[in-house]
């Protein structure tokens, strides 16, 4: 494809959402237009695109949680423009911004194919992360049936203790998107995806509570299917997933650049998403 003008690196904006959704659909990902909107609203200066001839050809996002942690996600390139170094250019831009903001730690979830590229840019292995999936029950129309259970005051604090940093605004927005389940200081959120309902994030005090919350979500949110991203190191999460007839469908590696940021993966029963952490 010949270009009338050279590629332009710029910020991704709300009017780009339809084009961004096409990119994530091409990759077979589960994000919706609301997922893209969430990132643009939370990180307007950290969402980047490369435009060619008026077309969004590639994207990358940098979501900052204060100055201690930033998350890279949505690293996508249109099939028509692959092999031209767009992803590397966007990643370089995102990391430069993180450095300018003096972000202590940058993380991302990488595929096997992407990992060598990220390692050349200063990332190192932290741990495995997997997507587990299962079929849903009923409601082929995709209409969301929301559950809203009153939260205890400390659930977001418990999340921060497990995740390593506070992410209150993200959690509040995700809680409004779908169903929210709470027991004491434990919680589980769900939200609609393009192909399946997404189970997570979830931080729980015990295996028993996590099992109760997961069962309730599956029983009361009809959908076409479920996606659950978890840490294999959390053997209790793996056990619950198997008991509830989930099976692993994707395998990624969590990589880190900069300082180590310790988390309590035994309390994290589901992550918020590969693009959110």
Protein backbone atom coordinates (compact mmCIF):
# COMPACT_ATOMS: atom_id res chain seq x y z
CA UNK A 1 0.00 0.00 0.00
CA UNK A 2 1.46 3.32 -1.05
CA UNK A 3 1.23 6.28 1.30
CA UNK A 4 0.18 9.76 0.23
CA UNK A 5 1.79 11.02 3.41
CA UNK A 6 4.10 9.56 6.00
CA UNK A 7 2.86 7.90 9.18
CA UNK A 8 1.84 10.34 11.90
CA UNK A 9 2.24 9.49 15.59
CA UNK A 10 -0.46 11.22 17.63
CA UNK A 11 -2.78 10.73 20.59
CA UNK A 12 -5.69 8.34 20.20
CA UNK A 13 -8.96 10.23 20.74
CA UNK A 14 -12.62 9.38 21.20
CA UNK A 15 -13.46 9.70 17.50
CA UNK A 16 -10.87 6.96 16.83
CA UNK A 17 -12.78 4.39 18.88
CA UNK A 18 -14.56 2.71 15.92
CA UNK A 19 -11.22 2.27 14.14
CA UNK A 20 -9.57 1.00 17.33
CA UNK A 21 -12.35 -1.53 17.84
CA UNK A 22 -11.71 -2.85 14.33
CA UNK A 23 -8.04 -3.41 15.25
CA UNK A 24 -8.90 -5.36 18.40
CA UNK A 25 -11.53 -7.36 16.48
CA UNK A 26 -8.93 -8.26 13.84
CA UNK A 27 -6.72 -9.61 16.63
CA UNK A 28 -9.61 -11.68 18.04
CA UNK A 29 -9.59 -9.75 21.30
CA UNK A 30 -12.56 -9.32 23.64
CA UNK A 31 -12.52 -5.53 24.14
CA UNK A 32 -15.57 -3.39 23.38
CA UNK A 33 -15.88 0.26 22.44
CA UNK A 34 -16.46 0.98 26.14
CA UNK A 35 -13.09 -0.60 26.99
CA UNK A 36 -11.37 1.74 24.53
CA UNK A 37 -13.36 4.70 25.87
CA UNK A 38 -12.33 3.81 29.42
CA UNK A 39 -8.64 3.95 28.52
CA UNK A 40 -8.95 7.21 26.60
CA UNK A 41 -10.83 8.85 29.48
CA UNK A 42 -8.46 7.56 32.17
CA UNK A 43 -5.26 8.22 30.21
CA UNK A 44 -5.90 10.82 27.46
CA UNK A 45 -2.19 11.66 27.22
CA UNK A 46 -1.14 8.01 27.28
CA UNK A 47 -3.19 6.61 24.40
CA UNK A 48 -1.25 6.69 21.14
CA UNK A 49 -1.94 5.93 17.50
CA UNK A 50 -0.09 5.92 14.22
CA UNK A 51 -2.19 7.33 11.42
CA UNK A 52 -1.52 6.63 7.75
CA UNK A 53 -3.58 8.39 5.08
CA UNK A 54 -6.24 9.25 7.65
CA UNK A 55 -6.45 5.64 8.89
CA UNK A 56 -5.55 4.39 12.37
CA UNK A 57 -2.87 1.82 11.57
CA UNK A 58 -1.55 0.99 15.06
CA UNK A 59 -2.21 1.71 18.73
CA UNK A 60 -0.59 1.48 22.16
CA UNK A 61 -1.84 2.67 25.56
CA UNK A 62 -0.03 3.71 28.73
CA UNK A 63 -2.26 3.78 31.83
CA UNK A 64 -0.56 5.35 34.85
CA UNK A 65 -1.50 4.46 38.42
CA UNK A 66 0.06 7.47 40.09
CA UNK A 67 3.83 7.60 39.75
CA UNK A 68 4.58 4.13 41.05
CA UNK A 69 3.17 2.03 38.21
CA UNK A 70 2.15 2.33 34.57
CA UNK A 71 0.55 -0.34 32.39
CA UNK A 72 1.11 -0.82 28.66
CA UNK A 73 -1.69 -2.37 26.64
CA UNK A 74 -3.59 -2.40 23.34
CA UNK A 75 -0.41 -2.94 21.30
CA UNK A 76 -2.10 -3.48 17.95
CA UNK A 77 -1.18 -3.03 14.28
CA UNK A 78 -3.51 -3.41 11.33
CA UNK A 79 -2.64 -6.40 9.14
CA UNK A 80 -2.10 -3.99 6.23
CA UNK A 81 0.71 -2.19 8.06
CA UNK A 82 2.58 -4.91 9.91
CA UNK A 83 6.33 -5.20 9.52
CA UNK A 84 6.88 -1.44 9.34
CA UNK A 85 8.01 -0.93 12.94
CA UNK A 86 4.88 0.88 14.09
CA UNK A 87 4.54 -1.10 17.32
CA UNK A 88 8.15 -0.44 18.31
CA UNK A 89 7.73 3.27 17.54
CA UNK A 90 4.62 3.49 19.71
CA UNK A 91 6.21 1.52 22.53
CA UNK A 92 9.26 3.79 22.44
CA UNK A 93 6.94 6.79 22.72
CA UNK A 94 5.02 5.25 25.64
CA UNK A 95 8.19 4.34 27.54
CA UNK A 96 9.67 7.79 26.94
CA UNK A 97 6.55 9.32 28.45
CA UNK A 98 6.76 6.95 31.42
CA UNK A 99 10.38 7.98 31.96
CA UNK A 100 9.52 11.68 31.69
CA UNK A 101 6.83 11.17 34.34
CA UNK A 102 9.39 9.29 36.48
CA UNK A 103 7.20 6.21 36.69
CA UNK A 104 9.00 3.70 38.90
CA UNK A 105 7.61 0.51 37.36
CA UNK A 106 6.10 -0.32 33.96
CA UNK A 107 4.35 -3.64 33.35
CA UNK A 108 2.61 -5.44 30.51
CA UNK A 109 1.29 -8.87 29.58
CA UNK A 110 3.08 -10.26 26.52
CA UNK A 111 2.57 -13.14 24.13
CA UNK A 112 5.40 -15.54 23.36
CA UNK A 113 5.94 -13.72 20.06
CA UNK A 114 6.05 -10.29 21.66
CA UNK A 115 8.26 -11.13 24.63
CA UNK A 116 11.66 -10.88 22.81
CA UNK A 117 10.75 -7.42 21.50
CA UNK A 118 9.84 -6.20 24.98
CA UNK A 119 12.97 -7.71 26.52
CA UNK A 120 15.10 -5.72 24.08
CA UNK A 121 13.36 -2.61 25.45
CA UNK A 122 14.34 -3.35 29.05
CA UNK A 123 11.54 -5.61 30.27
CA UNK A 124 12.13 -8.79 32.27
CA UNK A 125 9.96 -11.73 33.23
CA UNK A 126 7.79 -11.51 36.35
CA UNK A 127 5.27 -14.36 36.17
CA UNK A 128 2.85 -16.27 33.98
CA UNK A 129 -0.72 -15.14 33.37
CA UNK A 130 -3.42 -17.20 31.65
CA UNK A 131 -6.88 -16.76 30.20
CA UNK A 132 -9.38 -19.46 31.14
CA UNK A 133 -12.69 -19.75 29.31
CA UNK A 134 -16.00 -21.60 29.44
CA UNK A 135 -19.38 -21.50 27.78
CA UNK A 136 -22.16 -19.39 29.23
CA UNK A 137 -25.82 -20.08 29.89
CA UNK A 138 -28.73 -18.61 27.98
CA UNK A 139 -29.23 -15.00 26.96
CA UNK A 140 -27.85 -15.31 23.46
CA UNK A 141 -29.01 -11.72 22.90
CA UNK A 142 -26.12 -10.52 25.08
CA UNK A 143 -28.35 -8.39 27.30
CA UNK A 144 -26.62 -7.73 30.61
CA UNK A 145 -28.41 -8.67 33.83
CA UNK A 146 -26.65 -6.55 36.44
CA UNK A 147 -26.11 -7.43 40.08
CA UNK A 148 -25.33 -4.61 42.46
CA UNK A 149 -24.53 -5.73 45.99
CA UNK A 150 -23.68 -3.00 48.53
CA UNK A 151 -19.94 -2.82 49.00
CA UNK A 152 -18.15 -2.83 52.29
CA UNK A 153 -16.01 0.28 52.82
CA UNK A 154 -12.67 -1.49 52.61
CA UNK A 155 -12.86 -3.47 49.36
CA UNK A 156 -10.82 -0.94 47.38
CA UNK A 157 -8.25 -0.76 50.16
CA UNK A 158 -7.96 -4.56 50.07
CA UNK A 159 -7.42 -4.34 46.32
CA UNK A 160 -4.61 -1.85 46.78
CA UNK A 161 -2.95 -4.06 49.38
CA UNK A 162 -3.00 -7.01 46.96
CA UNK A 163 -2.22 -5.16 43.70
CA UNK A 164 0.55 -3.08 45.25
CA UNK A 165 -0.91 0.37 44.47
CA UNK A 166 -4.27 2.12 44.65
CA UNK A 167 -6.45 2.13 41.53
CA UNK A 168 -9.70 3.52 42.92
CA UNK A 169 -10.90 5.35 39.80
CA UNK A 170 -10.44 2.31 37.58
CA UNK A 171 -12.32 0.06 40.01
CA UNK A 172 -15.19 2.51 40.35
CA UNK A 173 -15.59 2.73 36.58
CA UNK A 174 -15.42 -1.05 36.14
CA UNK A 175 -17.97 -1.54 38.92
CA UNK A 176 -20.42 0.68 37.03
CA UNK A 177 -19.91 -1.30 33.82
CA UNK A 178 -21.26 -4.66 34.95
CA UNK A 179 -21.99 -6.70 38.05
CA UNK A 180 -20.39 -6.11 41.44
CA UNK A 181 -20.28 -8.78 44.14
CA UNK A 182 -18.91 -8.32 47.66
CA UNK A 183 -18.40 -10.42 50.79
CA UNK A 184 -16.72 -8.59 53.66
CA UNK A 185 -13.55 -7.07 52.13
CA UNK A 186 -13.55 -9.42 49.15
CA UNK A 187 -14.99 -8.52 45.77
CA UNK A 188 -15.55 -9.74 42.22
CA UNK A 189 -16.53 -7.57 39.25
CA UNK A 190 -17.79 -8.64 35.83
CA UNK A 191 -18.35 -6.67 32.64
CA UNK A 192 -19.52 -7.33 29.09
CA UNK A 193 -16.97 -8.19 26.42
CA UNK A 194 -17.29 -8.31 22.65
CA UNK A 195 -17.32 -12.12 22.59
CA UNK A 196 -17.68 -13.21 26.22
CA UNK A 197 -18.49 -11.82 29.65
CA UNK A 198 -15.31 -10.89 31.51
CA UNK A 199 -14.85 -12.19 35.07
CA UNK A 200 -12.52 -9.91 37.00
CA UNK A 201 -10.92 -8.19 38.70
CA UNK A 202 -11.35 -10.13 41.94
CA UNK A 203 -9.48 -9.91 45.23
CA UNK A 204 -10.57 -12.31 47.96
CA UNK A 205 -9.57 -13.14 51.51
CA UNK A 206 -9.98 -16.89 51.04
CA UNK A 207 -10.55 -19.74 48.61
CA UNK A 208 -14.03 -20.23 50.06
CA UNK A 209 -15.13 -16.64 49.47
CA UNK A 210 -13.67 -16.60 45.96
CA UNK A 211 -15.60 -19.76 45.09
CA UNK A 212 -18.88 -18.31 46.41
CA UNK A 213 -18.45 -15.07 44.44
CA UNK A 214 -17.51 -16.87 41.21
CA UNK A 215 -20.43 -19.27 41.50
CA UNK A 216 -22.86 -16.44 42.10
CA UNK A 217 -21.60 -14.52 39.08
CA UNK A 218 -21.94 -17.56 36.82
CA UNK A 219 -25.43 -18.33 38.09
CA UNK A 220 -26.87 -14.85 37.84
CA UNK A 221 -25.26 -13.26 34.76
CA UNK A 222 -26.57 -15.03 31.62
CA UNK A 223 -24.17 -14.70 28.69
CA UNK A 224 -22.68 -16.47 25.69
CA UNK A 225 -19.48 -17.37 27.50
CA UNK A 226 -16.89 -16.32 30.09
CA UNK A 227 -13.25 -15.20 30.09
CA UNK A 228 -11.22 -15.28 33.31
CA UNK A 229 -7.60 -14.08 33.44
CA UNK A 230 -5.63 -15.41 36.40
CA UNK A 231 -2.18 -16.16 37.78
CA UNK A 232 -1.24 -19.86 37.62
CA UNK A 233 0.75 -19.24 40.83
CA UNK A 234 -2.57 -18.76 42.60
CA UNK A 235 -3.34 -22.46 42.77
CA UNK A 236 -6.64 -21.80 44.55
CA UNK A 237 -7.83 -19.69 41.60
CA UNK A 238 -6.79 -22.44 39.21
CA UNK A 239 -8.63 -25.04 41.28
CA UNK A 240 -11.82 -22.98 41.34
CA UNK A 241 -11.61 -22.37 37.60
CA UNK A 242 -11.31 -26.11 36.94
CA UNK A 243 -14.16 -26.93 39.33
CA UNK A 244 -16.38 -24.43 37.49
CA UNK A 245 -15.52 -26.00 34.12
CA UNK A 246 -13.15 -23.32 32.84
CA UNK A 247 -10.17 -24.39 30.73
CA UNK A 248 -6.99 -22.48 29.75
CA UNK A 249 -7.16 -20.90 26.30
CA UNK A 250 -4.35 -18.28 26.25
CA UNK A 251 -0.93 -18.11 27.86
CA UNK A 252 1.00 -14.86 28.38
CA UNK A 253 3.93 -13.62 30.43
CA UNK A 254 3.79 -10.62 32.73
CA UNK A 255 6.89 -8.51 32.18
CA UNK A 256 8.25 -5.62 34.23
CA UNK A 257 10.60 -2.70 33.56
CA UNK A 258 12.13 -0.65 36.35
CA UNK A 259 11.61 -1.43 40.03
CA UNK A 260 10.00 -4.63 41.20
CA UNK A 261 6.52 -4.00 42.57
CA UNK A 262 5.45 -6.80 44.85
CA UNK A 263 1.88 -8.05 44.71
CA UNK A 264 -0.03 -10.68 46.68
CA UNK A 265 -1.03 -12.99 43.86
CA UNK A 266 -2.55 -15.45 46.33
CA UNK A 267 -5.23 -12.81 47.04
CA UNK A 268 -5.75 -11.87 43.38
CA UNK A 269 -8.23 -14.38 41.96
CA UNK A 270 -8.73 -12.50 38.67
CA UNK A 271 -6.89 -9.64 37.07
CA UNK A 272 -8.64 -6.60 35.57
CA UNK A 273 -7.45 -7.43 32.05
CA UNK A 274 -4.30 -7.78 29.99
CA UNK A 275 -4.50 -4.05 29.15
CA UNK A 276 -5.23 -2.95 32.76
CA UNK A 277 -3.27 -5.24 35.06
